[in-house]
Amino acid sequence: MHRKHPPLRTLTNHALFLDIDGTLADIASKPSLAFIEPSTIADLSALFVALDGALALVSGRQLEEIDRLTGGSGLPAAGIHGAQLRTRQGTSIASHLEPKIFTQIEADVHDLIRGLDGIMIERKPLAVAIHCRANPDLESHVQSLALSIIPKYAALKLITGKCIAEILPVSVDKGTAIAEFMKSPPFRGRIPIFAGDDVTDEDGFAMVNSMNGVSIKIGSGPSHAQYGLETAIAMRSWLSQLSAAV
């Protein structure tokens, strides 16, 4: 589906929410190999100042990884799809599930993928992600294995994306995270913009659309997003234009 290029607008009354992998950083064969260009980090810093702090990163990565990728910027952020939330008011956890549940889930996943090549398990404080970027032919199989774990546990769900299956609290998604940001200064009262590239960003697109905001999908495929950019490089170029215009 073809979507219009996002308009260059004045950012005076906007709030900017950005995914990381596939948006600010190119998709890498392993999550640890992804990086954000220094020029993009500089653009984020400039936009953060221009927006009076109404800029947040909304990612599947945990907060410490977000900070590593952004050079320790400490920007407002939603980690683990919103399970972690860092705002001006402090850092909070959006789930009451005990982390030890995910220790058992991690063990279950190890049992299920034994013998499969090119699979990486990533344990997060409130999630377990299974990556198969090194063997993308296993994507559907990995997602089916992860789905088989869900009935064993209450209040958990499976989300899938590009070569990833992730088990996390059912109450957590990027749309809810954006809504939480929008309740408080400096985000409150502004028009939200959200850009992302994957299925896991669709909740964010839907939330922003419900707020009469601007939703931007990077790449092809069906989406709730109103606007589109073909590549992450094009997205970063658009951010650079915005930064230069402030």
C-alpha atoms as a PDB file:
ATOM      1  CA  MET A   1       0.000   0.000   0.000  1.00  0.00           C
ATOM      2  CA  HIS A   2       1.403   3.396  -0.980  1.00  0.00           C
ATOM      3  CA  ARG A   3       1.332   6.061   1.708  1.00  0.00           C
ATOM      4  CA  LYS A   4       2.081   9.745   1.376  1.00  0.00           C
ATOM      5  CA  HIS A   5       5.398  11.195   2.451  1.00  0.00           C
ATOM      6  CA  PRO A   6       4.985  12.767   5.911  1.00  0.00           C
ATOM      7  CA  PRO A   7       4.615  16.534   5.679  1.00  0.00           C
ATOM      8  CA  LEU A   8       7.327  18.811   7.031  1.00  0.00           C
ATOM      9  CA  ARG A   9       5.479  20.785   9.675  1.00  0.00           C
ATOM     10  CA  THR A  10       6.388  23.247  12.327  1.00  0.00           C
ATOM     11  CA  LEU A  11       7.129  21.326  15.511  1.00  0.00           C
ATOM     12  CA  THR A  12       5.846  24.059  17.791  1.00  0.00           C
ATOM     13  CA  ASN A  13       2.941  22.013  19.140  1.00  0.00           C
ATOM     14  CA  HIS A  14       4.047  18.439  18.422  1.00  0.00           C
ATOM     15  CA  ALA A  15       5.398  15.534  20.438  1.00  0.00           C
ATOM     16  CA  LEU A  16       7.756  13.116  18.676  1.00  0.00           C
ATOM     17  CA  PHE A  17       7.839   9.363  19.377  1.00  0.00           C
ATOM     18  CA  LEU A  18      10.364   7.155  17.579  1.00  0.00           C
ATOM     19  CA  ASP A  19      11.020   3.438  17.307  1.00  0.00           C
ATOM     20  CA  ILE A  20      14.692   2.415  17.159  1.00  0.00           C
ATOM     21  CA  ASP A  21      15.436  -0.770  15.188  1.00  0.00           C
ATOM     22  CA  GLY A  22      14.448  -0.308  11.559  1.00  0.00           C
ATOM     23  CA  THR A  23      13.805   3.393  12.198  1.00  0.00           C
ATOM     24  CA  LEU A  24      16.714   5.172  13.883  1.00  0.00           C
ATOM     25  CA  ALA A  25      19.017   2.183  13.332  1.00  0.00           C
ATOM     26  CA  ASP A  26      19.184  -0.275  10.460  1.00  0.00           C
ATOM     27  CA  ILE A  27      18.160  -3.860  11.207  1.00  0.00           C
ATOM     28  CA  ALA A  28      21.275  -5.896  12.049  1.00  0.00           C
ATOM     29  CA  SER A  29      21.873  -9.657  11.998  1.00  0.00           C
ATOM     30  CA  LYS A  30      22.127  -9.537  15.810  1.00  0.00           C
ATOM     31  CA  PRO A  31      20.540  -6.905  18.097  1.00  0.00           C
ATOM     32  CA  SER A  32      23.960  -6.206  19.626  1.00  0.00           C
ATOM     33  CA  LEU A  33      25.329  -5.148  16.221  1.00  0.00           C
ATOM     34  CA  ALA A  34      22.781  -2.378  15.645  1.00  0.00           C
ATOM     35  CA  PHE A  35      23.906   1.218  16.071  1.00  0.00           C
ATOM     36  CA  ILE A  36      22.616   4.759  15.650  1.00  0.00           C
ATOM     37  CA  GLU A  37      24.769   7.165  13.647  1.00  0.00           C
ATOM     38  CA  PRO A  38      26.257  10.061  15.662  1.00  0.00           C
ATOM     39  CA  SER A  39      24.581  12.518  13.280  1.00  0.00           C
ATOM     40  CA  THR A  40      21.190  11.006  14.115  1.00  0.00           C
ATOM     41  CA  ILE A  41      21.918  11.207  17.851  1.00  0.00           C
ATOM     42  CA  ALA A  42      22.783  14.884  17.331  1.00  0.00           C
ATOM     43  CA  ASP A  43      19.476  15.401  15.483  1.00  0.00           C
ATOM     44  CA  LEU A  44      17.590  13.784  18.380  1.00  0.00           C
ATOM     45  CA  SER A  45      19.297  16.091  20.859  1.00  0.00           C
ATOM     46  CA  ALA A  46      18.437  19.163  18.788  1.00  0.00           C
ATOM     47  CA  LEU A  47      14.814  18.078  18.391  1.00  0.00           C
ATOM     48  CA  PHE A  48      14.525  17.302  22.102  1.00  0.00           C
ATOM     49  CA  VAL A  49      15.542  20.880  22.896  1.00  0.00           C
ATOM     50  CA  ALA A  50      13.306  22.365  20.182  1.00  0.00           C
ATOM     51  CA  LEU A  51      10.321  20.389  21.487  1.00  0.00           C
ATOM     52  CA  ASP A  52      10.949  21.436  25.094  1.00  0.00           C
ATOM     53  CA  GLY A  53      11.545  17.793  25.959  1.00  0.00           C
ATOM     54  CA  ALA A  54       8.514  16.320  24.152  1.00  0.00           C
ATOM     55  CA  LEU A  55      10.494  13.574  22.427  1.00  0.00           C
ATOM     56  CA  ALA A  56      10.585   9.929  23.480  1.00  0.00           C
ATOM     57  CA  LEU A  57      12.015   6.688  22.129  1.00  0.00           C
ATOM     58  CA  VAL A  58       9.533   3.800  22.066  1.00  0.00           C
ATOM     59  CA  SER A  59      11.310   0.485  21.599  1.00  0.00           C
ATOM     60  CA  GLY A  60      11.282  -3.223  22.267  1.00  0.00           C
ATOM     61  CA  ARG A  61      14.749  -2.809  23.755  1.00  0.00           C
ATOM     62  CA  GLN A  62      15.184  -2.309  27.488  1.00  0.00           C
ATOM     63  CA  LEU A  63      16.152   1.121  28.798  1.00  0.00           C
ATOM     64  CA  GLU A  64      19.828   0.340  29.345  1.00  0.00           C
ATOM     65  CA  GLU A  65      20.125  -0.769  25.712  1.00  0.00           C
ATOM     66  CA  ILE A  66      18.340   2.367  24.528  1.00  0.00           C
ATOM     67  CA  ASP A  67      20.832   4.464  26.462  1.00  0.00           C
ATOM     68  CA  ARG A  68      23.771   2.499  25.052  1.00  0.00           C
ATOM     69  CA  LEU A  69      22.572   3.086  21.503  1.00  0.00           C
ATOM     70  CA  THR A  70      22.014   6.795  22.081  1.00  0.00           C
ATOM     71  CA  GLY A  71      25.334   7.466  23.799  1.00  0.00           C
ATOM     72  CA  GLY A  72      23.868   7.692  27.287  1.00  0.00           C
ATOM     73  CA  SER A  73      21.468  10.463  26.278  1.00  0.00           C
ATOM     74  CA  GLY A  74      18.928   9.612  28.997  1.00  0.00           C
ATOM     75  CA  LEU A  75      16.094  10.679  26.690  1.00  0.00           C
ATOM     76  CA  PRO A  76      12.510   9.924  27.757  1.00  0.00           C
ATOM     77  CA  ALA A  77      11.829   6.361  26.645  1.00  0.00           C
ATOM     78  CA  ALA A  78       9.508   3.386  26.734  1.00  0.00           C
ATOM     79  CA  GLY A  79      11.501   0.163  26.946  1.00  0.00           C
ATOM     80  CA  ILE A  80      10.308  -3.398  26.320  1.00  0.00           C
ATOM     81  CA  HIS A  81       7.333  -2.071  24.309  1.00  0.00           C
ATOM     82  CA  GLY A  82       6.227   0.050  27.268  1.00  0.00           C
ATOM     83  CA  ALA A  83       6.866  -2.329  30.169  1.00  0.00           C
ATOM     84  CA  GLN A  84       9.470   0.225  31.252  1.00  0.00           C
ATOM     85  CA  LEU A  85       8.611   3.923  31.127  1.00  0.00           C
ATOM     86  CA  ARG A  86      11.013   6.785  31.770  1.00  0.00           C
ATOM     87  CA  THR A  87       9.425  10.226  31.918  1.00  0.00           C
ATOM     88  CA  ARG A  88      10.299  13.558  33.484  1.00  0.00           C
ATOM     89  CA  GLN A  89       8.523  12.249  36.593  1.00  0.00           C
ATOM     90  CA  GLY A  90      10.848   9.217  36.867  1.00  0.00           C
ATOM     91  CA  THR A  91      11.063   5.575  35.792  1.00  0.00           C
ATOM     92  CA  SER A  92       8.182   3.151  36.297  1.00  0.00           C
ATOM     93  CA  ILE A  93       7.273  -0.438  35.487  1.00  0.00           C
ATOM     94  CA  ALA A  94       3.956  -1.010  33.715  1.00  0.00           C
ATOM     95  CA  SER A  95       3.399  -4.552  34.984  1.00  0.00           C
ATOM     96  CA  HIS A  96       2.993  -6.230  38.363  1.00  0.00           C
ATOM     97  CA  LEU A  97       4.250  -9.606  37.111  1.00  0.00           C
ATOM     98  CA  GLU A  98       7.212 -11.020  39.000  1.00  0.00           C
ATOM     99  CA  PRO A  99      10.454 -11.191  36.984  1.00  0.00           C
ATOM    100  CA  LYS A 100      10.921 -14.792  38.152  1.00  0.00           C
ATOM    101  CA  ILE A 101       8.050 -15.794  35.844  1.00  0.00           C
ATOM    102  CA  PHE A 102      10.239 -14.838  32.905  1.00  0.00           C
ATOM    103  CA  THR A 103      13.095 -16.941  34.285  1.00  0.00           C
ATOM    104  CA  GLN A 104      10.828 -19.974  33.928  1.00  0.00           C
ATOM    105  CA  ILE A 105       9.683 -18.854  30.480  1.00  0.00           C
ATOM    106  CA  GLU A 106      13.304 -18.508  29.393  1.00  0.00           C
ATOM    107  CA  ALA A 107      13.929 -22.106  30.508  1.00  0.00           C
ATOM    108  CA  ASP A 108      10.845 -23.260  28.582  1.00  0.00           C
ATOM    109  CA  VAL A 109      12.098 -21.513  25.449  1.00  0.00           C
ATOM    110  CA  HIS A 110      15.536 -23.125  25.758  1.00  0.00           C
ATOM    111  CA  ASP A 111      13.877 -26.538  25.904  1.00  0.00           C
ATOM    112  CA  LEU A 112      11.754 -25.844  22.830  1.00  0.00           C
ATOM    113  CA  ILE A 113      14.499 -24.508  20.572  1.00  0.00           C
ATOM    114  CA  ARG A 114      17.124 -27.099  21.481  1.00  0.00           C
ATOM    115  CA  GLY A 115      18.759 -28.309  18.271  1.00  0.00           C
ATOM    116  CA  LEU A 116      17.733 -25.299  16.170  1.00  0.00           C
ATOM    117  CA  ASP A 117      20.554 -23.288  14.618  1.00  0.00           C
ATOM    118  CA  GLY A 118      20.717 -19.507  14.352  1.00  0.00           C
ATOM    119  CA  ILE A 119      18.352 -18.801  17.268  1.00  0.00           C
ATOM    120  CA  MET A 120      19.144 -16.300  20.015  1.00  0.00           C
ATOM    121  CA  ILE A 121      17.201 -15.905  23.268  1.00  0.00           C
ATOM    122  CA  GLU A 122      17.180 -12.471  24.856  1.00  0.00           C
ATOM    123  CA  ARG A 123      16.050 -12.252  28.467  1.00  0.00           C
ATOM    124  CA  LYS A 124      14.702  -8.865  29.491  1.00  0.00           C
ATOM    125  CA  PRO A 125      13.423  -7.810  32.931  1.00  0.00           C
ATOM    126  CA  LEU A 126       9.782  -8.350  31.886  1.00  0.00           C
ATOM    127  CA  ALA A 127       9.987 -10.224  28.603  1.00  0.00           C
ATOM    128  CA  VAL A 128      11.693 -13.021  26.716  1.00  0.00           C
ATOM    129  CA  ALA A 129      12.517 -12.435  23.051  1.00  0.00           C
ATOM    130  CA  ILE A 130      13.475 -15.127  20.554  1.00  0.00           C
ATOM    131  CA  HIS A 131      15.484 -13.822  17.601  1.00  0.00           C
ATOM    132  CA  CYS A 132      16.041 -15.746  14.360  1.00  0.00           C
ATOM    133  CA  ARG A 133      17.670 -13.093  12.167  1.00  0.00           C
ATOM    134  CA  ALA A 134      20.590 -15.481  11.608  1.00  0.00           C
ATOM    135  CA  ASN A 135      18.167 -18.114  10.269  1.00  0.00           C
ATOM    136  CA  PRO A 136      15.051 -16.300   8.974  1.00  0.00           C
ATOM    137  CA  ASP A 137      13.621 -19.480   7.425  1.00  0.00           C
ATOM    138  CA  LEU A 138      12.723 -20.531  10.969  1.00  0.00           C
ATOM    139  CA  GLU A 139      10.597 -17.450  11.652  1.00  0.00           C
ATOM    140  CA  SER A 140       7.175 -19.141  11.473  1.00  0.00           C
ATOM    141  CA  HIS A 141       8.399 -22.176  13.399  1.00  0.00           C
ATOM    142  CA  VAL A 142       9.871 -20.042  16.176  1.00  0.00           C
ATOM    143  CA  GLN A 143       6.672 -18.023  16.450  1.00  0.00           C
ATOM    144  CA  SER A 144       4.628 -21.232  16.740  1.00  0.00           C
ATOM    145  CA  LEU A 145       6.909 -22.569  19.467  1.00  0.00           C
ATOM    146  CA  ALA A 146       6.621 -19.319  21.416  1.00  0.00           C
ATOM    147  CA  LEU A 147       2.843 -19.325  21.043  1.00  0.00           C
ATOM    148  CA  SER A 148       2.687 -22.796  22.603  1.00  0.00           C
ATOM    149  CA  ILE A 149       4.103 -21.379  25.857  1.00  0.00           C
ATOM    150  CA  ILE A 150       1.439 -18.703  26.386  1.00  0.00           C
ATOM    151  CA  PRO A 151      -1.391 -20.956  27.732  1.00  0.00           C
ATOM    152  CA  LYS A 152       0.836 -22.002  30.650  1.00  0.00           C
ATOM    153  CA  TYR A 153       0.922 -18.497  32.109  1.00  0.00           C
ATOM    154  CA  ALA A 154      -1.707 -15.898  33.006  1.00  0.00           C
ATOM    155  CA  ALA A 155      -1.565 -12.291  31.801  1.00  0.00           C
ATOM    156  CA  LEU A 156       1.010 -12.907  29.076  1.00  0.00           C
ATOM    157  CA  LYS A 157       0.870 -12.483  25.308  1.00  0.00           C
ATOM    158  CA  LEU A 158       3.003 -13.114  22.237  1.00  0.00           C
ATOM    159  CA  ILE A 159       3.960 -10.362  19.836  1.00  0.00           C
ATOM    160  CA  THR A 160       5.808 -11.039  16.602  1.00  0.00           C
ATOM    161  CA  GLY A 161       7.891  -8.888  14.328  1.00  0.00           C
ATOM    162  CA  LYS A 162      10.712  -9.176  11.822  1.00  0.00           C
ATOM    163  CA  CYS A 163      12.446 -12.457  12.762  1.00  0.00           C
ATOM    164  CA  ILE A 164      11.392 -12.132  16.392  1.00  0.00           C
ATOM    165  CA  ALA A 165       8.821 -13.614  18.755  1.00  0.00           C
ATOM    166  CA  GLU A 166       8.462 -11.995  22.154  1.00  0.00           C
ATOM    167  CA  ILE A 167       6.561 -13.047  25.286  1.00  0.00           C
ATOM    168  CA  LEU A 168       5.573 -10.169  27.571  1.00  0.00           C
ATOM    169  CA  PRO A 169       2.733  -8.888  29.808  1.00  0.00           C
ATOM    170  CA  VAL A 170      -0.624  -8.628  28.087  1.00  0.00           C
ATOM    171  CA  SER A 171      -1.111  -5.070  29.351  1.00  0.00           C
ATOM    172  CA  VAL A 172       1.972  -3.782  27.533  1.00  0.00           C
ATOM    173  CA  ASP A 173       2.095  -2.219  24.060  1.00  0.00           C
ATOM    174  CA  LYS A 174       3.549   0.839  22.370  1.00  0.00           C
ATOM    175  CA  GLY A 175       0.168   2.552  22.028  1.00  0.00           C
ATOM    176  CA  THR A 176      -0.428   2.400  25.771  1.00  0.00           C
ATOM    177  CA  ALA A 177       3.095   3.727  26.352  1.00  0.00           C
ATOM    178  CA  ILE A 178       2.478   6.712  24.067  1.00  0.00           C
ATOM    179  CA  ALA A 179      -0.829   7.402  25.821  1.00  0.00           C
ATOM    180  CA  GLU A 180       0.986   7.449  29.181  1.00  0.00           C
ATOM    181  CA  PHE A 181       3.508   9.976  27.910  1.00  0.00           C
ATOM    182  CA  MET A 182       0.719  12.159  26.546  1.00  0.00           C
ATOM    183  CA  LYS A 183      -0.896  12.476  29.998  1.00  0.00           C
ATOM    184  CA  SER A 184       1.900  14.605  31.447  1.00  0.00           C
ATOM    185  CA  PRO A 185       4.097  17.595  30.586  1.00  0.00           C
ATOM    186  CA  PRO A 186       5.892  18.245  28.317  1.00  0.00           C
ATOM    187  CA  PHE A 187       3.820  15.941  26.067  1.00  0.00           C
ATOM    188  CA  ARG A 188       0.338  16.832  27.285  1.00  0.00           C
ATOM    189  CA  GLY A 189      -1.678  19.008  24.914  1.00  0.00           C
ATOM    190  CA  ARG A 190       0.609  18.399  21.941  1.00  0.00           C
ATOM    191  CA  ILE A 191      -0.040  16.586  18.639  1.00  0.00           C
ATOM    192  CA  PRO A 192       1.766  13.221  18.653  1.00  0.00           C
ATOM    193  CA  ILE A 193       3.960  11.961  15.811  1.00  0.00           C
ATOM    194  CA  PHE A 194       5.049   8.308  15.864  1.00  0.00           C
ATOM    195  CA  ALA A 195       7.367   6.551  13.403  1.00  0.00           C
ATOM    196  CA  GLY A 196       8.107   2.821  13.316  1.00  0.00           C
ATOM    197  CA  ASP A 197       8.685  -0.030  10.908  1.00  0.00           C
ATOM    198  CA  ASP A 198       7.265  -3.262  12.315  1.00  0.00           C
ATOM    199  CA  VAL A 199       4.073  -5.044  13.357  1.00  0.00           C
ATOM    200  CA  THR A 200       4.910  -4.191  16.966  1.00  0.00           C
ATOM    201  CA  ASP A 201       4.500  -0.502  16.079  1.00  0.00           C
ATOM    202  CA  GLU A 202       0.904  -0.864  14.902  1.00  0.00           C
ATOM    203  CA  ASP A 203      -0.560  -0.258  18.381  1.00  0.00           C
ATOM    204  CA  GLY A 204       1.392   2.994  18.428  1.00  0.00           C
ATOM    205  CA  PHE A 205       0.059   4.011  15.018  1.00  0.00           C
ATOM    206  CA  ALA A 206      -3.509   3.280  16.081  1.00  0.00           C
ATOM    207  CA  MET A 207      -3.136   5.275  19.305  1.00  0.00           C
ATOM    208  CA  VAL A 208      -1.614   8.277  17.534  1.00  0.00           C
ATOM    209  CA  ASN A 209      -4.348   8.178  14.893  1.00  0.00           C
ATOM    210  CA  SER A 210      -6.993   8.230  17.636  1.00  0.00           C
ATOM    211  CA  MET A 211      -5.360  11.416  18.936  1.00  0.00           C
ATOM    212  CA  ASN A 212      -5.463  13.053  15.494  1.00  0.00           C
ATOM    213  CA  GLY A 213      -1.700  12.750  15.300  1.00  0.00           C
ATOM    214  CA  VAL A 214       0.766  11.775  12.571  1.00  0.00           C
ATOM    215  CA  SER A 215       1.691   8.093  12.103  1.00  0.00           C
ATOM    216  CA  ILE A 216       4.596   7.094   9.847  1.00  0.00           C
ATOM    217  CA  LYS A 217       5.402   3.584   8.626  1.00  0.00           C
ATOM    218  CA  ILE A 218       8.922   2.809   7.414  1.00  0.00           C
ATOM    219  CA  GLY A 219       8.956   0.185   4.685  1.00  0.00           C
ATOM    220  CA  SER A 220       6.220  -1.691   2.858  1.00  0.00           C
ATOM    221  CA  GLY A 221       3.304  -3.801   4.045  1.00  0.00           C
ATOM    222  CA  PRO A 222      -0.175  -3.187   5.434  1.00  0.00           C
ATOM    223  CA  SER A 223      -0.372  -0.684   8.254  1.00  0.00           C
ATOM    224  CA  HIS A 224      -2.604   1.686  10.198  1.00  0.00           C
ATOM    225  CA  ALA A 225      -0.055   4.432   9.509  1.00  0.00           C
ATOM    226  CA  GLN A 226      -1.211   7.443   7.522  1.00  0.00           C
ATOM    227  CA  TYR A 227       2.180   8.274   6.010  1.00  0.00           C
ATOM    228  CA  GLY A 228       5.158   6.297   4.779  1.00  0.00           C
ATOM    229  CA  LEU A 229       8.877   6.380   4.097  1.00  0.00           C
ATOM    230  CA  GLU A 230      10.564   3.636   2.086  1.00  0.00           C
ATOM    231  CA  THR A 231      13.627   3.050   4.254  1.00  0.00           C
ATOM    232  CA  ALA A 232      15.170   3.824   7.623  1.00  0.00           C
ATOM    233  CA  ILE A 233      17.697   5.974   5.765  1.00  0.00           C
ATOM    234  CA  ALA A 234      14.826   8.068   4.400  1.00  0.00           C
ATOM    235  CA  MET A 235      13.430   8.352   7.919  1.00  0.00           C
ATOM    236  CA  ARG A 236      16.720   9.620   9.297  1.00  0.00           C
ATOM    237  CA  SER A 237      16.988  12.085   6.430  1.00  0.00           C
ATOM    238  CA  TRP A 238      13.498  13.390   7.294  1.00  0.00           C
ATOM    239  CA  LEU A 239      14.544  13.808  10.936  1.00  0.00           C
ATOM    240  CA  SER A 240      17.635  15.674   9.803  1.00  0.00           C
ATOM    241  CA  GLN A 241      15.452  18.060   7.787  1.00  0.00           C
ATOM    242  CA  LEU A 242      13.246  18.608  10.834  1.00  0.00           C
ATOM    243  CA  SER A 243      16.297  19.247  12.983  1.00  0.00           C
ATOM    244  CA  ALA A 244      17.676  21.769  10.499  1.00  0.00           C
ATOM    245  CA  ALA A 245      14.342  23.583  10.394  1.00  0.00           C
ATOM    246  CA  VAL A 246      14.126  24.263  14.143  1.00  0.00           C
END
